[in-house]
Amino acid sequence: MQTLRAAAVAGTFYPANPILLREQITLWCREGDAPTLPRPVRALLLPHAGYCYSGAIAAAGIRLLPKQGIKRVLILCPAHHVYLRGMALSSAERFATPLGEIPLDRAALAGLSHLPGVQINDEAHRFEHAIEVQLPFLQQQLGDFSLLPVVVGETSPSAVAGLLEALMNEQTLLIISSDLSHYLSWQQARERDEETLAQILALKGDLQGQQACGCFALNGALLWARRHKLQASRLAAANSGDTAGDKHRVVGYAAIAFY
C-alpha cells in the first residue's frame, strides 16, 4: 500500500508556498457574493486548470460551502495521464498539498471492491492534477475532512451512479472535476459551452468528450442527480480567453451547484 500521495503539481498549477496559496484562495473566495440556495449543496462541478486560468471560477463554488457539516469529500475526475477503463481508486492513506495532508476514508474505499469497473490503480493518481487542484480550496474552506478520490475512465453513467449511491450521504460532498470545451476560438467556445451548460442545468447526461473532459464522471453524476431529484444552479462560467488573455485557443470553465 502507498502511504502518501505527494503533491504533483504544486508550484506549477498553483503556488507551492502555503502562505501565498492561502492568500490567493482567500482573496478569490471573498471576491463575490455566494447566492442563497433553498437547500444545502450536495455536489459541485468545478474546473481543474491552473489557478491563474480557472481559480476564480472554482472559488465561486467553494465559497458556497459551509464551514461545518461536511465531513467527507468525494472527487471524481478524468484520467489525463493513463488510458483507463472503469474507475481507479488510490491505495494511499493520505493525499498531500502544501497546506497539509488529508486522510482517505480507507474503510469506505475498501467497500467498493464489489462494484463493476472499480480498481486500485496508483498510476492513474500519481500525476493527476484534476483532483489535486481542488484540495487546497477544500482545506481552506472546510478544515478537516476525509477524502474519496476517484479517477474515472471510460465507463457507463450507471456504473458511476452506482458508486455514488454507495458513498454519498448528508455529510459527504461530491465534486465533479471537469473543464468544458478545449482549444476552440473564444467565440466558438462560448457557443459550445453555453449549449453544454444548458444540458448540465437540465441534468441531461449525454455529454461527449468535446464538451467536457470529465464527461464520463459528469454523465454518471447527472444520472445520480436526476434519481435524487436535485436541481442545478449556474454560479460562474468563463474561458481562458477571459481569464488569461489569449483568445485564439481557449479552454472553457464553469462552476455549478447541485442541491
Protein backbone atom coordinates (compact mmCIF):
# COMPACT_ATOMS: atom_id res chain seq x y z
CA MET A 1 0.00 0.00 0.00
CA GLN A 2 1.17 3.51 -0.84
CA THR A 3 1.19 5.58 2.35
CA LEU A 4 1.27 9.11 0.94
CA ARG A 5 0.33 10.51 -2.44
CA ALA A 6 2.64 13.53 -2.67
CA ALA A 7 1.61 16.76 -4.35
CA ALA A 8 2.45 16.51 -8.05
CA VAL A 9 1.59 19.97 -9.40
CA ALA A 10 2.36 22.36 -6.53
CA GLY A 11 4.47 25.14 -7.99
CA THR A 12 3.05 24.69 -11.50
CA PHE A 13 -0.76 24.59 -11.31
CA TYR A 14 -0.90 26.50 -8.02
CA PRO A 15 1.56 28.12 -5.56
CA ALA A 16 3.82 25.79 -3.61
CA ASN A 17 4.26 28.40 -0.88
CA PRO A 18 1.47 27.75 1.67
CA ILE A 19 1.23 31.40 2.72
CA LEU A 20 0.80 32.62 -0.86
CA LEU A 21 -1.58 29.76 -1.57
CA ARG A 22 -3.85 30.60 1.36
CA GLU A 23 -3.79 34.30 0.48
CA GLN A 24 -4.79 33.65 -3.12
CA ILE A 25 -7.64 31.31 -2.22
CA THR A 26 -8.92 33.67 0.48
CA LEU A 27 -8.90 36.59 -1.95
CA TRP A 28 -10.86 34.71 -4.60
CA CYS A 29 -13.39 33.36 -2.13
CA ARG A 30 -14.09 36.87 -0.84
CA GLU A 31 -14.42 38.50 -4.27
CA GLY A 32 -18.04 37.59 -4.93
CA ASP A 33 -21.26 37.00 -3.05
CA ALA A 34 -22.45 33.44 -2.58
CA PRO A 35 -26.05 33.00 -3.75
CA THR A 36 -28.64 31.70 -1.32
CA LEU A 37 -29.84 28.26 -2.36
CA PRO A 38 -33.03 26.69 -0.99
CA ARG A 39 -31.20 23.54 0.16
CA PRO A 40 -27.64 22.57 1.09
CA VAL A 41 -25.20 21.91 -1.73
CA ARG A 42 -24.80 18.18 -2.44
CA ALA A 43 -22.38 18.46 -5.35
CA LEU A 44 -20.28 20.94 -7.30
CA LEU A 45 -18.95 20.93 -10.84
CA LEU A 46 -15.59 22.73 -10.70
CA PRO A 47 -12.78 23.33 -13.22
CA HIS A 48 -9.27 21.96 -12.80
CA ALA A 49 -6.89 24.15 -14.80
CA GLY A 50 -4.00 26.08 -13.30
CA TYR A 51 -5.24 28.61 -10.77
CA CYS A 52 -4.34 31.59 -12.96
CA TYR A 53 -6.80 30.25 -15.54
CA SER A 54 -9.68 28.82 -13.53
CA GLY A 55 -9.08 29.54 -9.83
CA ALA A 56 -11.59 32.37 -9.66
CA ILE A 57 -14.26 30.15 -11.27
CA ALA A 58 -13.60 27.34 -8.80
CA ALA A 59 -13.85 29.80 -5.91
CA ALA A 60 -17.40 30.67 -6.98
CA GLY A 61 -18.38 27.14 -5.99
CA ILE A 62 -16.14 26.74 -2.96
CA ARG A 63 -17.44 29.90 -1.27
CA LEU A 64 -20.90 28.29 -1.12
CA LEU A 65 -19.71 25.56 1.22
CA PRO A 66 -20.42 25.78 4.94
CA LYS A 67 -17.56 25.83 7.43
CA GLN A 68 -19.13 22.91 9.30
CA GLY A 69 -21.19 19.87 8.41
CA ILE A 70 -19.18 18.38 5.54
CA LYS A 71 -17.08 15.52 6.91
CA ARG A 72 -16.05 13.83 3.68
CA VAL A 73 -15.44 14.85 0.05
CA LEU A 74 -15.75 12.54 -2.95
CA ILE A 75 -13.91 13.87 -6.01
CA LEU A 76 -14.43 12.41 -9.48
CA CYS A 77 -12.05 13.42 -12.27
CA PRO A 78 -10.98 12.27 -15.75
CA ALA A 79 -7.77 10.39 -16.45
CA HIS A 80 -5.31 12.78 -18.08
CA HIS A 81 -2.14 10.65 -17.97
CA VAL A 82 -3.17 7.00 -18.42
CA TYR A 83 -5.68 5.13 -20.51
CA LEU A 84 -8.33 3.88 -18.13
CA ARG A 85 -11.43 1.77 -18.38
CA GLY A 86 -13.54 1.86 -15.27
CA MET A 87 -12.79 3.81 -12.09
CA ALA A 88 -9.44 3.99 -10.32
CA LEU A 89 -9.01 4.22 -6.56
CA SER A 90 -5.76 5.04 -4.77
CA SER A 91 -4.06 2.75 -2.25
CA ALA A 92 -2.69 5.79 -0.39
CA GLU A 93 -3.66 6.59 3.17
CA ARG A 94 -3.21 10.35 2.72
CA PHE A 95 -3.00 12.95 -0.06
CA ALA A 96 -0.62 15.89 0.48
CA THR A 97 -0.69 19.54 -0.59
CA PRO A 98 1.36 22.50 0.67
CA LEU A 99 -1.46 23.08 3.19
CA GLY A 100 -1.05 19.66 4.81
CA GLU A 101 -2.17 16.06 4.48
CA ILE A 102 -5.73 14.78 4.01
CA PRO A 103 -6.69 11.29 5.21
CA LEU A 104 -8.52 8.98 2.85
CA ASP A 105 -11.58 7.11 4.08
CA ARG A 106 -9.97 3.71 3.60
CA ALA A 107 -12.91 1.78 5.07
CA ALA A 108 -15.35 3.30 2.57
CA LEU A 109 -12.99 2.72 -0.35
CA ALA A 110 -12.47 -0.91 0.67
CA GLY A 111 -16.22 -1.40 0.48
CA LEU A 112 -16.27 -0.58 -3.24
CA SER A 113 -14.40 -3.68 -4.41
CA HIS A 114 -17.63 -5.42 -5.47
CA LEU A 115 -18.68 -2.63 -7.83
CA PRO A 116 -18.14 -3.18 -11.58
CA GLY A 117 -15.13 -1.43 -13.06
CA VAL A 118 -13.63 -0.34 -9.73
CA GLN A 119 -9.89 -1.00 -9.36
CA ILE A 120 -6.85 0.11 -7.39
CA ASN A 121 -4.59 1.99 -9.81
CA ASP A 122 -1.99 4.25 -8.23
CA GLU A 123 -0.51 5.17 -11.61
CA ALA A 124 -3.80 6.86 -12.55
CA HIS A 125 -3.44 9.05 -9.45
CA ARG A 126 0.32 9.62 -9.44
CA PHE A 127 0.46 12.69 -11.71
CA GLU A 128 -3.26 13.50 -11.93
CA HIS A 129 -3.84 17.22 -11.32
CA ALA A 130 -7.64 17.26 -11.58
CA ILE A 131 -8.17 16.02 -8.02
CA GLU A 132 -5.15 17.73 -6.52
CA VAL A 133 -6.06 21.28 -7.57
CA GLN A 134 -9.37 21.03 -5.70
CA LEU A 135 -7.73 20.08 -2.41
CA PRO A 136 -6.22 23.42 -1.26
CA PHE A 137 -9.59 25.13 -1.80
CA LEU A 138 -11.27 22.46 0.31
CA GLN A 139 -8.61 22.58 3.02
CA GLN A 140 -9.01 26.33 3.28
CA GLN A 141 -12.81 26.27 3.33
CA LEU A 142 -13.63 23.10 5.25
CA GLY A 143 -10.66 22.50 7.52
CA ASP A 144 -10.66 18.81 8.46
CA PHE A 145 -12.32 16.27 6.21
CA SER A 146 -11.62 12.84 4.76
CA LEU A 147 -11.17 12.23 1.05
CA LEU A 148 -12.53 9.78 -1.52
CA PRO A 149 -10.51 10.36 -4.74
CA VAL A 150 -11.70 8.54 -7.87
CA VAL A 151 -10.26 8.83 -11.38
CA VAL A 152 -12.97 7.97 -13.88
CA GLY A 153 -12.07 6.47 -17.24
CA GLU A 154 -14.34 5.06 -19.92
CA THR A 155 -17.33 3.78 -18.01
CA SER A 156 -21.09 3.91 -18.09
CA PRO A 157 -23.22 6.52 -16.31
CA SER A 158 -24.91 3.72 -14.37
CA ALA A 159 -21.57 2.45 -13.02
CA VAL A 160 -20.61 5.94 -11.83
CA ALA A 161 -24.07 6.46 -10.34
CA GLY A 162 -23.74 3.12 -8.55
CA LEU A 163 -20.50 4.28 -6.92
CA LEU A 164 -22.23 7.48 -5.83
CA GLU A 165 -25.12 5.55 -4.32
CA ALA A 166 -22.60 3.56 -2.28
CA LEU A 167 -20.73 6.61 -0.98
CA MET A 168 -22.95 9.66 -0.83
CA ASN A 169 -24.68 10.74 2.38
CA GLU A 170 -25.69 14.01 4.03
CA GLN A 171 -22.16 14.67 5.32
CA THR A 172 -20.43 13.87 2.01
CA LEU A 173 -19.85 16.47 -0.69
CA LEU A 174 -19.40 15.41 -4.31
CA ILE A 175 -17.08 17.35 -6.60
CA ILE A 176 -17.03 16.61 -10.32
CA SER A 177 -13.72 17.99 -11.57
CA SER A 178 -14.06 18.87 -15.25
CA ASP A 179 -13.24 21.60 -17.72
CA LEU A 180 -15.51 22.26 -20.69
CA SER A 181 -14.53 22.76 -24.36
CA HIS A 182 -10.86 22.63 -25.38
CA TYR A 183 -8.85 24.63 -27.91
CA LEU A 184 -11.62 26.37 -29.81
CA SER A 185 -11.61 30.08 -30.55
CA TRP A 186 -13.08 32.33 -27.88
CA GLN A 187 -16.38 32.74 -29.75
CA GLN A 188 -16.68 29.06 -30.67
CA ALA A 189 -16.00 28.08 -27.06
CA ARG A 190 -18.62 30.50 -25.76
CA GLU A 191 -21.24 29.00 -28.07
CA ARG A 192 -20.38 25.37 -27.35
CA ASP A 193 -20.06 25.90 -23.61
CA GLU A 194 -23.44 27.64 -23.41
CA GLU A 195 -25.03 24.60 -25.05
CA THR A 196 -23.18 22.29 -22.67
CA LEU A 197 -24.18 24.32 -19.63
CA ALA A 198 -27.81 24.19 -20.71
CA GLN A 199 -27.60 20.39 -20.84
CA ILE A 200 -25.98 20.19 -17.42
CA LEU A 201 -28.51 22.54 -15.83
CA ALA A 202 -31.28 20.36 -17.27
CA LEU A 203 -29.48 17.27 -15.85
CA LYS A 204 -29.19 15.73 -19.32
CA GLY A 205 -26.38 13.23 -19.00
CA ASP A 206 -25.37 12.57 -22.61
CA LEU A 207 -22.29 14.80 -22.76
CA GLN A 208 -19.40 13.99 -25.07
CA GLY A 209 -15.67 14.48 -24.66
CA GLN A 210 -15.56 17.56 -26.87
CA GLN A 211 -17.99 19.21 -24.45
CA ALA A 212 -16.34 18.29 -21.14
CA CYS A 213 -13.14 16.36 -20.47
CA GLY A 214 -14.81 14.82 -17.42
CA CYS A 215 -17.85 13.67 -19.39
CA PHE A 216 -17.84 10.09 -18.04
CA ALA A 217 -17.88 11.25 -14.43
CA LEU A 218 -20.29 14.07 -15.18
CA ASN A 219 -22.80 11.88 -17.02
CA GLY A 220 -22.87 9.49 -14.07
CA ALA A 221 -23.26 12.34 -11.60
CA LEU A 222 -26.15 13.78 -13.61
CA LEU A 223 -27.88 10.41 -13.59
CA TRP A 224 -27.46 10.28 -9.80
CA ALA A 225 -28.76 13.87 -9.51
CA ARG A 226 -31.87 13.01 -11.53
CA ARG A 227 -32.55 9.99 -9.35
CA HIS A 228 -32.41 12.16 -6.26
CA LYS A 229 -34.42 15.00 -7.83
CA LEU A 230 -31.67 17.57 -7.38
CA GLN A 231 -31.64 20.97 -9.02
CA ALA A 232 -28.68 22.75 -10.58
CA SER A 233 -27.63 26.40 -10.38
CA ARG A 234 -25.02 28.13 -12.52
CA LEU A 235 -22.51 30.01 -10.38
CA ALA A 236 -19.84 31.17 -12.84
CA ALA A 237 -18.56 30.46 -16.34
CA ALA A 238 -15.68 31.77 -18.44
CA ASN A 239 -12.86 30.52 -20.59
CA SER A 240 -9.11 31.02 -20.61
CA GLY A 241 -9.55 33.83 -23.13
CA ASP A 242 -11.39 35.74 -20.42
CA THR A 243 -9.01 34.90 -17.59
CA ALA A 244 -5.60 34.63 -19.29
CA GLY A 245 -5.97 36.82 -22.37
CA ASP A 246 -5.24 34.55 -25.37
CA LYS A 247 -8.49 34.19 -27.30
CA HIS A 248 -7.24 32.00 -30.16
CA ARG A 249 -7.26 28.57 -28.46
CA VAL A 250 -9.16 28.57 -25.20
CA VAL A 251 -10.46 26.13 -22.58
CA GLY A 252 -13.89 26.54 -21.02
CA TYR A 253 -14.64 26.52 -17.29
CA ALA A 254 -17.76 26.55 -15.14
CA ALA A 255 -18.89 26.22 -11.55
CA ILE A 256 -22.32 24.67 -10.99
CA ALA A 257 -24.01 23.72 -7.72
CA PHE A 258 -26.37 20.76 -7.33
CA TYR A 259 -28.76 20.86 -4.40
